[in-house]
Every structure is written in C-alpha cells, then in structure tokens.
Amino acid sequence: MAALFSIGYATKPIETFLEQLRNHQITVIADVRSVPYSKAFHDYHRENLIQHLRAAGIRYVYLGEELGPRSPCDAHYEKGQVQFDRLQRSERFLKGIERLLNGLNKGFRIALLCAEKDPAVCHRSLLIGHYLQREHALSIEHINHAGALESEVELERRLMDETGVVPDMLMGETESLEQAWREQSRRCAYRRPEQ
C-alpha cells in the first residue's frame, strides 16, 4: 500500500504548496474540507486548485462530504459541537475511508488537504489520521508548513504535551494518548454557529 500524507495550505503561496507536493511525490490531493473554498487564498478555491494541480500533473478528488469535519447529521453533535468518535462510525465517513484505502491500494501517493497550518488542530489528524492509525494500523505523514514530515504517532505524542495529559500511576501511555486525543478534539472540533 502506498503512503498517506496530509497537508494544510494555511498561508502558503500556491507555488510553495506545489513544490512541497512534488518533494514528497504526491500524485493525488484528497480535499477533505467541508467547504472547499478559502476567504483569503483564492488559489485554494476548488476550481482554481484543480487547475493548478492539473498543470502540475497531480490528480484531485473531493472527499469533503465523506471526510469533512462538519456533519449534516444532528446525531453527530453534542451541544452544537461535532463528536469525532460518532462521526468515525458513520456510514458516510466509512465510505470515504474505503475510497482512500482503495486509492492507496492502487499505488497512489495521496495527501489529505485542509486549510489548517498545524495538523494537531485539524480534523485531518484528529478525525481521519486517528481513525486510520487505530483501525487500520496505517502510517500517516503530515507535511508541516515548512515541508518537513511529522508522523501521526509523533503528532499524537505531541498532543499529550499540548493538553497536559501524561501517563502517571493511574493512567498508562495508551490511555493517556486516547485522553489527549479526546481533549484536543474537544478543543478543535467544529462547532455549529449559535442561532
């Protein structure tokens, strides 16, 4: 199976973004934004992005409906915030995961695309990477803002530092990693606008 990557465009010029994709031999961008547009960076509007990627010889697939952080289903929310553990069990999410795995099995080098600069605050790691590592033992490499790699394993260990959840005499490392993920998800998961 080919490698799975993730990348956030944040404030990157499109040329830097494309260069980083080339450096990691990415052949497909899987756009996992629920809304595939940017208020400030128009090169990353879906239609514009497709043109840039096509010119660079990189394929594009939109998976925001399946793997995006905003669910249309009320059952996936608690007090207005999406619950990633519920979303991970949904039929739509699992179909998106299946599409990703099929692409990887065909040998494509896929990068999940979202806007966030740091994958530690983005659903591409907290929702998708977490699930794939736990349920499929799949290795995910996050391309950081400068173009270097951070594995999902390294990222989840970093979450312990960021949340202050660490192993102690009552909680082992596995439980601490899961608790740190839950805390970070609580901090970062999509919240519906108050009405």
Protein backbone atom coordinates (compact mmCIF):
# COMPACT_ATOMS: atom_id res chain seq x y z
CA MET A 1 0.00 0.00 0.00
CA ALA A 2 1.27 3.49 -0.87
CA ALA A 3 1.89 6.16 1.76
CA LEU A 4 -0.79 8.54 3.03
CA PHE A 5 0.13 12.14 3.74
CA SER A 6 -1.69 15.27 4.86
CA ILE A 7 -1.03 18.92 4.17
CA GLY A 8 -2.55 22.23 5.22
CA TYR A 9 -2.21 25.19 2.89
CA ALA A 10 -2.65 27.92 5.59
CA THR A 11 -0.83 30.97 4.20
CA LYS A 12 1.36 29.15 1.66
CA PRO A 13 1.74 30.61 -1.80
CA ILE A 14 0.45 28.08 -4.32
CA GLU A 15 3.98 27.66 -5.76
CA THR A 16 5.33 26.60 -2.34
CA PHE A 17 2.41 24.24 -1.87
CA LEU A 18 3.00 22.57 -5.26
CA GLU A 19 6.75 22.33 -4.62
CA GLN A 20 6.11 20.53 -1.33
CA LEU A 21 3.78 18.09 -3.09
CA ARG A 22 6.47 17.39 -5.70
CA ASN A 23 9.12 16.94 -2.99
CA HIS A 24 7.01 14.19 -1.41
CA GLN A 25 5.97 12.66 -4.76
CA ILE A 26 2.25 13.26 -4.10
CA THR A 27 0.13 12.04 -7.01
CA VAL A 28 -3.36 12.80 -5.64
CA ILE A 29 -4.83 15.52 -3.43
CA ALA A 30 -7.87 14.36 -1.46
CA ASP A 31 -9.62 17.57 -0.46
CA VAL A 32 -11.28 16.89 2.92
CA ARG A 33 -12.61 20.40 3.55
CA SER A 34 -16.35 20.51 4.17
CA VAL A 35 -16.35 23.81 2.29
CA PRO A 36 -13.66 23.67 -0.45
CA TYR A 37 -13.10 27.42 -0.63
CA SER A 38 -10.92 29.98 1.13
CA LYS A 39 -11.98 33.50 2.08
CA ALA A 40 -8.44 34.84 1.74
CA PHE A 41 -6.50 32.45 -0.52
CA HIS A 42 -8.35 32.14 -3.81
CA ASP A 43 -5.78 29.79 -5.34
CA TYR A 44 -7.28 27.19 -3.00
CA HIS A 45 -10.87 27.53 -4.21
CA ARG A 46 -11.72 24.08 -5.52
CA GLU A 47 -11.93 25.12 -9.19
CA ASN A 48 -8.68 27.12 -9.07
CA LEU A 49 -6.89 24.40 -7.13
CA ILE A 50 -7.92 21.76 -9.66
CA GLN A 51 -6.35 23.85 -12.43
CA HIS A 52 -3.08 24.35 -10.51
CA LEU A 53 -2.87 20.64 -9.68
CA ARG A 54 -3.68 19.56 -13.23
CA ALA A 55 -0.87 21.77 -14.56
CA ALA A 56 1.49 20.08 -12.06
CA GLY A 57 0.34 16.58 -13.08
CA ILE A 58 -1.43 15.90 -9.76
CA ARG A 59 -4.93 14.47 -9.55
CA TYR A 60 -7.70 15.92 -7.39
CA VAL A 61 -10.59 14.20 -5.61
CA TYR A 62 -13.14 15.86 -3.36
CA LEU A 63 -13.90 13.86 -0.20
CA GLY A 64 -15.26 16.68 1.95
CA GLU A 65 -18.76 15.22 2.02
CA GLU A 66 -17.45 11.92 3.39
CA LEU A 67 -14.44 13.02 5.44
CA GLY A 68 -15.09 16.68 6.21
CA PRO A 69 -15.33 17.93 9.80
CA ARG A 70 -18.92 19.19 9.52
CA SER A 71 -21.62 16.57 9.57
CA PRO A 72 -25.15 17.16 8.24
CA CYS A 73 -26.45 14.63 10.81
CA ASP A 74 -27.71 16.01 14.14
CA ALA A 75 -26.82 12.72 15.89
CA HIS A 76 -23.11 13.51 15.38
CA TYR A 77 -23.35 16.65 17.55
CA GLU A 78 -23.45 17.29 21.28
CA LYS A 79 -24.25 20.81 22.48
CA GLY A 80 -23.55 22.11 18.96
CA GLN A 81 -20.10 20.50 18.62
CA VAL A 82 -19.39 17.59 16.30
CA GLN A 83 -18.19 14.47 18.12
CA PHE A 84 -15.40 12.84 16.13
CA ASP A 85 -15.93 9.41 17.69
CA ARG A 86 -19.55 9.43 16.46
CA LEU A 87 -18.58 10.72 13.04
CA GLN A 88 -15.97 7.94 12.72
CA ARG A 89 -18.74 5.33 12.98
CA SER A 90 -21.00 6.90 10.34
CA GLU A 91 -21.68 5.17 7.04
CA ARG A 92 -20.63 8.26 5.07
CA PHE A 93 -17.26 8.51 6.86
CA LEU A 94 -16.56 4.79 6.41
CA LYS A 95 -17.29 5.06 2.68
CA GLY A 96 -14.77 7.91 2.46
CA ILE A 97 -12.19 5.79 4.29
CA GLU A 98 -12.86 2.95 1.87
CA ARG A 99 -12.27 5.26 -1.09
CA LEU A 100 -8.96 6.42 0.43
CA LEU A 101 -7.81 2.85 1.09
CA ASN A 102 -8.75 1.81 -2.45
CA GLY A 103 -6.65 4.66 -3.85
CA LEU A 104 -3.70 3.71 -1.65
CA ASN A 105 -4.03 0.07 -2.71
CA LYS A 106 -3.79 1.21 -6.34
CA GLY A 107 -0.42 2.79 -5.53
CA PHE A 108 -1.42 6.46 -5.42
CA ARG A 109 0.51 8.72 -3.03
CA ILE A 110 -2.38 10.66 -1.53
CA ALA A 111 -2.27 13.81 0.58
CA LEU A 112 -5.31 14.87 2.56
CA LEU A 113 -5.82 18.61 2.10
CA CYS A 114 -7.26 21.09 4.57
CA ALA A 115 -6.60 24.71 5.47
CA GLU A 116 -5.07 24.38 8.95
CA LYS A 117 -1.36 25.07 9.27
CA ASP A 118 -0.83 22.66 12.20
CA PRO A 119 -2.29 19.16 11.80
CA ALA A 120 -2.59 18.94 15.61
CA VAL A 121 -5.57 21.31 15.45
CA CYS A 122 -7.07 19.90 12.25
CA HIS A 123 -9.55 17.12 11.56
CA ARG A 124 -7.15 15.59 9.02
CA SER A 125 -5.23 14.21 12.03
CA LEU A 126 -7.82 14.28 14.83
CA LEU A 127 -10.61 12.65 12.83
CA ILE A 128 -9.06 10.87 9.83
CA GLY A 129 -5.46 10.14 10.87
CA HIS A 130 -6.50 8.98 14.33
CA TYR A 131 -9.06 6.58 12.85
CA LEU A 132 -6.74 5.15 10.19
CA GLN A 133 -3.93 4.59 12.67
CA ARG A 134 -6.20 2.89 15.23
CA GLU A 135 -8.43 0.85 12.93
CA HIS A 136 -6.11 0.09 10.01
CA ALA A 137 -2.61 0.48 11.51
CA LEU A 138 -1.95 2.87 8.63
CA SER A 139 1.01 5.18 8.81
CA ILE A 140 0.22 8.81 8.06
CA GLU A 141 2.83 11.51 7.45
CA HIS A 142 1.79 15.14 7.95
CA ILE A 143 3.63 17.66 5.78
CA ASN A 144 4.17 20.67 8.05
CA HIS A 145 4.17 24.32 6.99
CA ALA A 146 7.89 24.24 6.15
CA GLY A 147 7.55 20.97 4.20
CA ALA A 148 9.04 18.57 6.78
CA LEU A 149 7.22 15.42 7.91
CA GLU A 150 5.65 14.58 11.26
CA SER A 151 4.11 11.13 11.65
CA GLU A 152 0.67 10.61 13.18
CA VAL A 153 2.41 8.74 16.01
CA GLU A 154 4.69 11.73 16.71
CA LEU A 155 1.76 14.10 16.46
CA GLU A 156 -0.34 12.13 18.94
CA ARG A 157 2.56 12.12 21.41
CA ARG A 158 2.81 15.88 20.93
CA LEU A 159 -0.87 16.14 21.89
CA MET A 160 -0.01 14.83 25.35
CA ASP A 161 2.33 17.80 25.84
CA GLU A 162 -0.16 20.26 24.39
CA THR A 163 -3.07 19.04 26.52
CA GLY A 164 -1.09 18.25 29.66
CA VAL A 165 -2.37 14.67 29.66
CA VAL A 166 0.56 12.41 30.52
CA PRO A 167 0.96 8.86 31.83
CA ASP A 168 1.04 8.51 35.58
CA MET A 169 0.46 5.81 38.19
CA LEU A 170 -3.28 5.72 37.37
CA MET A 171 -3.18 6.03 33.59
CA GLY A 172 -0.79 4.28 31.20
CA GLU A 173 0.53 5.62 27.92
CA THR A 174 -2.21 4.10 25.74
CA GLU A 175 -4.93 5.63 27.92
CA SER A 176 -3.06 8.95 28.04
CA LEU A 177 -2.79 9.08 24.25
CA GLU A 178 -6.52 8.44 23.92
CA GLN A 179 -7.39 11.01 26.59
CA ALA A 180 -5.12 13.62 24.97
CA TRP A 181 -6.85 12.95 21.62
CA ARG A 182 -10.27 13.40 23.24
CA GLU A 183 -9.20 16.66 24.88
CA GLN A 184 -7.70 18.06 21.67
CA SER A 185 -10.80 17.00 19.72
CA ARG A 186 -12.96 18.83 22.28
CA ARG A 187 -10.84 21.95 21.79
CA CYS A 188 -10.74 21.83 17.99
CA ALA A 189 -13.80 20.02 16.58
CA TYR A 190 -16.26 22.03 14.51
CA ARG A 191 -18.95 23.93 16.40
CA ARG A 192 -22.15 24.99 14.72
CA PRO A 193 -22.73 28.75 14.79
CA GLU A 194 -25.14 29.70 17.56
CA GLN A 195 -28.56 30.58 16.23
